[in-house]
PDB file of N, CA and C in Angstrom:
ATOM      1  N   UNK A   1     284.558-106.010  41.554  1.00  0.00           N
ATOM      2  CA  UNK A   1     283.640-105.709  42.557  1.00  0.00           C
ATOM      3  C   UNK A   1     282.004-106.038  42.391  1.00  0.00           C
ATOM      4  N   UNK A   2     281.385-106.381  43.079  1.00  0.00           N
ATOM      5  CA  UNK A   2     280.440-106.583  42.724  1.00  0.00           C
ATOM      6  C   UNK A   2     278.855-105.412  43.010  1.00  0.00           C
ATOM      7  N   UNK A   3     277.787-105.882  42.894  1.00  0.00           N
ATOM      8  CA  UNK A   3     277.185-104.458  42.929  1.00  0.00           C
ATOM      9  C   UNK A   3     276.947-103.935  44.206  1.00  0.00           C
ATOM     10  N   UNK A   4     276.732-105.063  45.545  1.00  0.00           N
ATOM     11  CA  UNK A   4     276.721-104.940  46.940  1.00  0.00           C
ATOM     12  C   UNK A   4     277.869-103.610  47.480  1.00  0.00           C
ATOM     13  N   UNK A   5     279.047-104.225  46.505  1.00  0.00           N
ATOM     14  CA  UNK A   5     280.402-103.927  47.104  1.00  0.00           C
ATOM     15  C   UNK A   5     280.274-101.964  46.446  1.00  0.00           C
ATOM     16  N   UNK A   6     280.050-102.159  45.429  1.00  0.00           N
ATOM     17  CA  UNK A   6     279.662-100.669  44.684  1.00  0.00           C
ATOM     18  C   UNK A   6     278.649-100.194  45.383  1.00  0.00           C
ATOM     19  N   UNK A   7     277.398-100.647  45.564  1.00  0.00           N
ATOM     20  CA  UNK A   7     276.545-100.081  46.632  1.00  0.00           C
ATOM     21  C   UNK A   7     277.248 -99.204  47.860  1.00  0.00           C
ATOM     22  N   UNK A   8     278.073-100.226  48.437  1.00  0.00           N
ATOM     23  CA  UNK A   8     278.665 -99.781  50.015  1.00  0.00           C
ATOM     24  C   UNK A   8     279.307 -98.790  49.696  1.00  0.00           C
ATOM     25  N   UNK A   9     280.214 -98.651  48.296  1.00  0.00           N
ATOM     26  CA  UNK A   9     281.282 -97.466  48.341  1.00  0.00           C
ATOM     27  C   UNK A   9     280.712 -96.485  48.070  1.00  0.00           C
ATOM     28  N   UNK A  10     279.453 -96.297  47.188  1.00  0.00           N
ATOM     29  CA  UNK A  10     278.902 -95.312  47.005  1.00  0.00           C
ATOM     30  C   UNK A  10     277.914 -94.163  48.198  1.00  0.00           C
ATOM     31  N   UNK A  11     277.414 -95.455  49.360  1.00  0.00           N
ATOM     32  CA  UNK A  11     276.939 -94.880  50.446  1.00  0.00           C
ATOM     33  C   UNK A  11     278.110 -94.165  51.322  1.00  0.00           C
ATOM     34  N   UNK A  12     279.068 -95.060  51.512  1.00  0.00           N
ATOM     35  CA  UNK A  12     281.020 -94.048  52.178  1.00  0.00           C
ATOM     36  C   UNK A  12     280.511 -93.455  51.741  1.00  0.00           C
ATOM     37  N   UNK A  13     280.961 -93.100  50.157  1.00  0.00           N
ATOM     38  CA  UNK A  13     281.155 -92.027  49.766  1.00  0.00           C
ATOM     39  C   UNK A  13     280.159 -90.527  50.008  1.00  0.00           C
ATOM     40  N   UNK A  14     278.423 -90.675  49.549  1.00  0.00           N
ATOM     41  CA  UNK A  14     277.911 -90.259  50.499  1.00  0.00           C
ATOM     42  C   UNK A  14     278.367 -89.276  51.654  1.00  0.00           C
ATOM     43  N   UNK A  15     278.551 -90.478  52.615  1.00  0.00           N
ATOM     44  CA  UNK A  15     278.628 -90.225  54.332  1.00  0.00           C
ATOM     45  C   UNK A  15     280.058 -89.196  54.496  1.00  0.00           C
ATOM     46  N   UNK A  16     280.945 -89.241  53.292  1.00  0.00           N
ATOM     47  CA  UNK A  16     281.825 -89.170  53.734  1.00  0.00           C
ATOM     48  C   UNK A  16     282.024 -87.125  52.636  1.00  0.00           C
ATOM     49  N   UNK A  17     281.240 -87.097  51.930  1.00  0.00           N
ATOM     50  CA  UNK A  17     280.278 -85.790  51.514  1.00  0.00           C
ATOM     51  C   UNK A  17     279.357 -84.975  52.572  1.00  0.00           C
ATOM     52  N   UNK A  18     278.686 -85.557  53.476  1.00  0.00           N
ATOM     53  CA  UNK A  18     277.895 -85.062  54.714  1.00  0.00           C
ATOM     54  C   UNK A  18     279.016 -84.761  55.554  1.00  0.00           C
ATOM     55  N   UNK A  19     279.603 -85.559  55.724  1.00  0.00           N
ATOM     56  CA  UNK A  19     281.377 -84.772  57.042  1.00  0.00           C
ATOM     57  C   UNK A  19     281.863 -83.757  56.251  1.00  0.00           C
ATOM     58  N   UNK A  20     282.054 -83.990  55.351  1.00  0.00           N
ATOM     59  CA  UNK A  20     282.950 -82.759  54.907  1.00  0.00           C
ATOM     60  C   UNK A  20     282.019 -81.334  54.811  1.00  0.00           C
ATOM     61  N   UNK A  21     280.582 -81.501  54.563  1.00  0.00           N
ATOM     62  CA  UNK A  21     279.850 -80.326  54.283  1.00  0.00           C
ATOM     63  C   UNK A  21     279.620 -79.570  56.325  1.00  0.00           C
ATOM     64  N   UNK A  22     279.792 -80.772  57.050  1.00  0.00           N
ATOM     65  CA  UNK A  22     279.345 -80.352  58.129  1.00  0.00           C
ATOM     66  C   UNK A  22     280.929 -79.949  59.046  1.00  0.00           C
ATOM     67  N   UNK A  23     282.018 -80.265  58.306  1.00  0.00           N
ATOM     68  CA  UNK A  23     283.315 -79.448  58.725  1.00  0.00           C
ATOM     69  C   UNK A  23     283.569 -78.237  58.572  1.00  0.00           C
ATOM     70  N   UNK A  24     282.952 -77.873  57.443  1.00  0.00           N
ATOM     71  CA  UNK A  24     283.013 -76.795  56.448  1.00  0.00           C
ATOM     72  C   UNK A  24     282.119 -75.773  57.118  1.00  0.00           C
ATOM     73  N   UNK A  25     280.968 -76.306  57.676  1.00  0.00           N
ATOM     74  CA  UNK A  25     280.157 -75.450  58.619  1.00  0.00           C
ATOM     75  C   UNK A  25     280.285 -75.407  60.189  1.00  0.00           C
ATOM     76  N   UNK A  26     280.955 -76.105  60.705  1.00  0.00           N
ATOM     77  CA  UNK A  26     281.527 -76.059  62.001  1.00  0.00           C
ATOM     78  C   UNK A  26     282.952 -75.540  61.601  1.00  0.00           C
ATOM     79  N   UNK A  27     283.734 -74.899  60.694  1.00  0.00           N
ATOM     80  CA  UNK A  27     284.996 -74.135  60.603  1.00  0.00           C
ATOM     81  C   UNK A  27     286.284 -74.943  60.897  1.00  0.00           C
ATOM     82  N   UNK A  28     286.096 -76.662  60.730  1.00  0.00           N
ATOM     83  CA  UNK A  28     287.183 -77.677  60.782  1.00  0.00           C
ATOM     84  C   UNK A  28     287.796 -77.380  59.498  1.00  0.00           C
ATOM     85  N   UNK A  29     287.001 -77.034  58.459  1.00  0.00           N
ATOM     86  CA  UNK A  29     288.156 -76.988  57.069  1.00  0.00           C
ATOM     87  C   UNK A  29     287.635 -75.822  56.606  1.00  0.00           C
ATOM     88  N   UNK A  30     288.651 -75.264  55.666  1.00  0.00           N
ATOM     89  CA  UNK A  30     288.139 -74.253  54.552  1.00  0.00           C
ATOM     90  C   UNK A  30     287.041 -74.858  53.227  1.00  0.00           C
ATOM     91  N   UNK A  31     286.574 -73.703  52.931  1.00  0.00           N
ATOM     92  CA  UNK A  31     285.609 -73.755  51.785  1.00  0.00           C
ATOM     93  C   UNK A  31     286.253 -74.673  50.627  1.00  0.00           C
ATOM     94  N   UNK A  32     287.992 -73.930  50.429  1.00  0.00           N
ATOM     95  CA  UNK A  32     288.732 -74.555  49.198  1.00  0.00           C
ATOM     96  C   UNK A  32     288.995 -75.910  49.504  1.00  0.00           C
ATOM     97  N   UNK A  33     289.272 -76.622  50.505  1.00  0.00           N
ATOM     98  CA  UNK A  33     289.901 -77.810  50.715  1.00  0.00           C
ATOM     99  C   UNK A  33     288.347 -78.511  50.452  1.00  0.00           C
ATOM    100  N   UNK A  34     287.383 -78.151  51.124  1.00  0.00           N
ATOM    101  CA  UNK A  34     286.106 -78.845  50.696  1.00  0.00           C
ATOM    102  C   UNK A  34     285.397 -78.925  49.323  1.00  0.00           C
ATOM    103  N   UNK A  35     285.697 -78.134  48.426  1.00  0.00           N
ATOM    104  CA  UNK A  35     285.516 -77.479  47.680  1.00  0.00           C
ATOM    105  C   UNK A  35     286.557 -78.692  46.329  1.00  0.00           C
ATOM    106  N   UNK A  36     287.740 -78.862  46.714  1.00  0.00           N
ATOM    107  CA  UNK A  36     288.874 -80.219  45.999  1.00  0.00           C
ATOM    108  C   UNK A  36     288.075 -81.434  46.687  1.00  0.00           C
ATOM    109  N   UNK A  37     287.752 -81.608  47.526  1.00  0.00           N
ATOM    110  CA  UNK A  37     287.498 -83.077  47.897  1.00  0.00           C
ATOM    111  C   UNK A  37     285.934 -83.366  47.346  1.00  0.00           C
ATOM    112  N   UNK A  38     285.318 -82.783  47.442  1.00  0.00           N
ATOM    113  CA  UNK A  38     283.909 -83.034  46.775  1.00  0.00           C
ATOM    114  C   UNK A  38     284.063 -83.049  45.018  1.00  0.00           C
ATOM    115  N   UNK A  39     285.335 -82.396  44.584  1.00  0.00           N
ATOM    116  CA  UNK A  39     285.389 -82.953  43.141  1.00  0.00           C
ATOM    117  C   UNK A  39     285.717 -83.952  42.694  1.00  0.00           C
ATOM    118  N   UNK A  40     286.656 -84.662  43.632  1.00  0.00           N
ATOM    119  CA  UNK A  40     287.197 -85.476  44.186  1.00  0.00           C
ATOM    120  C   UNK A  40     285.844 -86.890  44.323  1.00  0.00           C
ATOM    121  N   UNK A  41     284.936 -86.565  44.973  1.00  0.00           N
ATOM    122  CA  UNK A  41     284.161 -87.640  45.489  1.00  0.00           C
ATOM    123  C   UNK A  41     283.322 -87.843  44.424  1.00  0.00           C
ATOM    124  N   UNK A  42     282.643 -86.199  43.577  1.00  0.00           N
ATOM    125  CA  UNK A  42     281.615 -86.272  42.640  1.00  0.00           C
ATOM    126  C   UNK A  42     282.451 -87.187  41.548  1.00  0.00           C
ATOM    127  N   UNK A  43     283.671 -86.951  41.073  1.00  0.00           N
ATOM    128  CA  UNK A  43     284.462 -87.884  39.919  1.00  0.00           C
ATOM    129  C   UNK A  43     284.247 -88.953  40.462  1.00  0.00           C
ATOM    130  N   UNK A  44     284.351 -89.958  41.320  1.00  0.00           N
ATOM    131  CA  UNK A  44     284.435 -91.122  42.232  1.00  0.00           C
ATOM    132  C   UNK A  44     282.942 -91.571  41.861  1.00  0.00           C
ATOM    133  N   UNK A  45     281.919 -90.890  42.332  1.00  0.00           N
ATOM    134  CA  UNK A  45     281.070 -91.367  42.403  1.00  0.00           C
ATOM    135  C   UNK A  45     280.331 -91.525  40.913  1.00  0.00           C
ATOM    136  N   UNK A  46     280.685 -90.821  39.925  1.00  0.00           N
ATOM    137  CA  UNK A  46     280.187 -91.081  38.623  1.00  0.00           C
ATOM    138  C   UNK A  46     280.574 -92.089  37.925  1.00  0.00           C
ATOM    139  N   UNK A  47     282.002 -92.498  38.470  1.00  0.00           N
ATOM    140  CA  UNK A  47     282.392 -93.688  38.038  1.00  0.00           C
ATOM    141  C   UNK A  47     281.660 -95.120  38.877  1.00  0.00           C
ATOM    142  N   UNK A  48     281.764 -95.379  39.950  1.00  0.00           N
ATOM    143  CA  UNK A  48     280.834 -96.278  40.568  1.00  0.00           C
ATOM    144  C   UNK A  48     279.666 -96.197  40.194  1.00  0.00           C
ATOM    145  N   UNK A  49     278.331 -94.958  39.490  1.00  0.00           N
ATOM    146  CA  UNK A  49     277.228 -95.200  38.954  1.00  0.00           C
ATOM    147  C   UNK A  49     277.377 -96.073  38.014  1.00  0.00           C
ATOM    148  N   UNK A  50     278.418 -95.682  37.345  1.00  0.00           N
ATOM    149  CA  UNK A  50     278.389 -96.105  35.721  1.00  0.00           C
ATOM    150  C   UNK A  50     279.015 -97.149  35.942  1.00  0.00           C
ATOM    151  N   UNK A  51     279.687 -97.755  36.559  1.00  0.00           N
ATOM    152  CA  UNK A  51     279.930 -99.353  37.096  1.00  0.00           C
ATOM    153  C   UNK A  51     278.698-100.455  37.275  1.00  0.00           C
ATOM    154  N   UNK A  52     277.787 -99.520  38.060  1.00  0.00           N
ATOM    155  CA  UNK A  52     276.644-100.178  38.448  1.00  0.00           C
ATOM    156  C   UNK A  52     276.158-100.370  37.240  1.00  0.00           C
ATOM    157  N   UNK A  53     275.564 -99.438  36.587  1.00  0.00           N
ATOM    158  CA  UNK A  53     275.215 -99.111  35.230  1.00  0.00           C
ATOM    159  C   UNK A  53     275.250-100.469  34.674  1.00  0.00           C
ATOM    160  N   UNK A  54     276.595-100.658  34.053  1.00  0.00           N
ATOM    161  CA  UNK A  54     277.834-101.647  33.236  1.00  0.00           C
ATOM    162  C   UNK A  54     276.707-102.883  33.575  1.00  0.00           C
ATOM    163  N   UNK A  55     277.248-103.009  34.869  1.00  0.00           N
ATOM    164  CA  UNK A  55     277.016-104.389  35.614  1.00  0.00           C
ATOM    165  C   UNK A  55     275.389-105.120  35.608  1.00  0.00           C
ATOM    166  N   UNK A  56     274.914-104.406  35.480  1.00  0.00           N
ATOM    167  CA  UNK A  56     272.889-104.146  35.661  1.00  0.00           C
ATOM    168  C   UNK A  56     272.560-104.335  33.639  1.00  0.00           C
ATOM    169  N   UNK A  57     273.442-103.558  33.306  1.00  0.00           N
ATOM    170  CA  UNK A  57     272.840-103.843  32.038  1.00  0.00           C
ATOM    171  C   UNK A  57     273.071-105.150  31.089  1.00  0.00           C
ATOM    172  N   UNK A  58     275.326-105.615  31.537  1.00  0.00           N
ATOM    173  CA  UNK A  58     275.420-106.850  31.251  1.00  0.00           C
ATOM    174  C   UNK A  58     274.589-107.913  31.803  1.00  0.00           C
ATOM    175  N   UNK A  59     274.141-107.810  33.017  1.00  0.00           N
ATOM    176  CA  UNK A  59     273.055-108.957  33.795  1.00  0.00           C
ATOM    177  C   UNK A  59     271.755-108.691  32.887  1.00  0.00           C
ATOM    178  N   UNK A  60     271.440-107.631  32.610  1.00  0.00           N
ATOM    179  CA  UNK A  60     269.961-107.980  31.789  1.00  0.00           C
ATOM    180  C   UNK A  60     270.207-108.688  30.670  1.00  0.00           C
ATOM    181  N   UNK A  61     271.153-108.043  29.901  1.00  0.00           N
ATOM    182  CA  UNK A  61     271.479-109.120  28.396  1.00  0.00           C
ATOM    183  C   UNK A  61     271.915-110.229  28.570  1.00  0.00           C
ATOM    184  N   UNK A  62     272.223-111.244  29.602  1.00  0.00           N
ATOM    185  CA  UNK A  62     272.996-112.129  29.578  1.00  0.00           C
ATOM    186  C   UNK A  62     274.417-112.157  29.476  1.00  0.00           C
ATOM    187  N   UNK A  63     274.824-111.012  29.561  1.00  0.00           N
ATOM    188  CA  UNK A  63     276.491-111.022  29.704  1.00  0.00           C
ATOM    189  C   UNK A  63     276.649-111.227  30.972  1.00  0.00           C
ATOM    190  N   UNK A  64     278.453-111.452  31.609  1.00  0.00           N
ATOM    191  CA  UNK A  64     278.751-111.441  32.597  1.00  0.00           C
ATOM    192  C   UNK A  64     279.042-109.993  33.046  1.00  0.00           C
ATOM    193  N   UNK A  65     277.897-109.818  34.406  1.00  0.00           N
ATOM    194  CA  UNK A  65     278.367-108.618  34.899  1.00  0.00           C
ATOM    195  C   UNK A  65     279.835-108.742  35.313  1.00  0.00           C
ATOM    196  N   UNK A  66     280.781-109.301  35.671  1.00  0.00           N
ATOM    197  CA  UNK A  66     282.032-109.514  36.260  1.00  0.00           C
ATOM    198  C   UNK A  66     282.765-108.789  35.376  1.00  0.00           C
ATOM    199  N   UNK A  67     282.614-108.736  33.748  1.00  0.00           N
ATOM    200  CA  UNK A  67     283.407-108.133  32.723  1.00  0.00           C
ATOM    201  C   UNK A  67     283.264-106.710  32.443  1.00  0.00           C
ATOM    202  N   UNK A  68     282.387-106.007  33.640  1.00  0.00           N
ATOM    203  CA  UNK A  68     282.380-104.302  33.750  1.00  0.00           C
ATOM    204  C   UNK A  68     283.257-104.111  34.469  1.00  0.00           C
ATOM    205  N   UNK A  69     283.961-102.820  33.356  1.00  0.00           N
ATOM    206  CA  UNK A  69     285.275-102.166  34.173  1.00  0.00           C
ATOM    207  C   UNK A  69     285.181-100.480  34.386  1.00  0.00           C
ATOM    208  N   UNK A  70     285.746-100.339  35.378  1.00  0.00           N
ATOM    209  CA  UNK A  70     285.788 -98.694  35.746  1.00  0.00           C
ATOM    210  C   UNK A  70     286.514 -97.696  34.542  1.00  0.00           C
ATOM    211  N   UNK A  71     285.518 -96.978  34.309  1.00  0.00           N
ATOM    212  CA  UNK A  71     285.744 -96.087  33.067  1.00  0.00           C
ATOM    213  C   UNK A  71     286.758 -94.956  33.483  1.00  0.00           C
ATOM    214  N   UNK A  72     287.256 -93.937  32.577  1.00  0.00           N
ATOM    215  CA  UNK A  72     287.752 -92.695  33.189  1.00  0.00           C
ATOM    216  C   UNK A  72     286.824 -92.086  33.320  1.00  0.00           C
ATOM    217  N   UNK A  73     287.104 -90.708  34.607  1.00  0.00           N
ATOM    218  CA  UNK A  73     286.460 -90.045  35.116  1.00  0.00           C
ATOM    219  C   UNK A  73     286.349 -88.896  34.171  1.00  0.00           C
ATOM    220  N   UNK A  74     286.987 -89.065  33.141  1.00  0.00           N
ATOM    221  CA  UNK A  74     286.531 -88.374  31.902  1.00  0.00           C
ATOM    222  C   UNK A  74     285.997 -88.608  30.812  1.00  0.00           C
ATOM    223  N   UNK A  75     285.694 -89.565  31.163  1.00  0.00           N
ATOM    224  CA  UNK A  75     284.511 -90.451  30.041  1.00  0.00           C
ATOM    225  C   UNK A  75     282.952 -90.669  30.691  1.00  0.00           C
ATOM    226  N   UNK A  76     283.173 -90.422  32.285  1.00  0.00           N
ATOM    227  CA  UNK A  76     281.767 -90.584  32.750  1.00  0.00           C
ATOM    228  C   UNK A  76     281.073 -89.667  33.064  1.00  0.00           C
ATOM    229  N   UNK A  77     282.159 -88.655  33.418  1.00  0.00           N
ATOM    230  CA  UNK A  77     281.505 -87.269  34.293  1.00  0.00           C
ATOM    231  C   UNK A  77     280.671 -86.129  33.704  1.00  0.00           C
ATOM    232  N   UNK A  78     279.642 -86.179  34.189  1.00  0.00           N
ATOM    233  CA  UNK A  78     278.609 -85.682  34.179  1.00  0.00           C
ATOM    234  C   UNK A  78     277.676 -86.434  33.386  1.00  0.00           C
ATOM    235  N   UNK A  79     277.478 -87.562  33.272  1.00  0.00           N
ATOM    236  CA  UNK A  79     276.500 -88.563  32.611  1.00  0.00           C
ATOM    237  C   UNK A  79     274.870 -88.383  33.199  1.00  0.00           C
ATOM    238  N   UNK A  80     273.815 -88.305  32.896  1.00  0.00           N
ATOM    239  CA  UNK A  80     272.509 -88.110  33.447  1.00  0.00           C
ATOM    240  C   UNK A  80     272.262 -89.555  33.230  1.00  0.00           C
ATOM    241  N   UNK A  81     271.519 -89.938  34.527  1.00  0.00           N
ATOM    242  CA  UNK A  81     270.744 -91.054  34.563  1.00  0.00           C
ATOM    243  C   UNK A  81     269.650 -91.453  33.710  1.00  0.00           C
TER     244      UNK A  81
END
């Protein structure tokens, strides 16, 4: 996945997050469903941001950004930028 694809995926996940919050506000889904899906989105977002950082770091230091790999959510969860 290249940088543009990663950014597009991040944008789509943020849009999903907004839709979820709107669905709860309008009563279409319950907060437990929202909480579960938001947790999943947060883990996936952490992984995407980590992959993007890896790619940028590899590029900056003359390495091949295509060698960056998605790391397990347990490894990247809660990273601070």
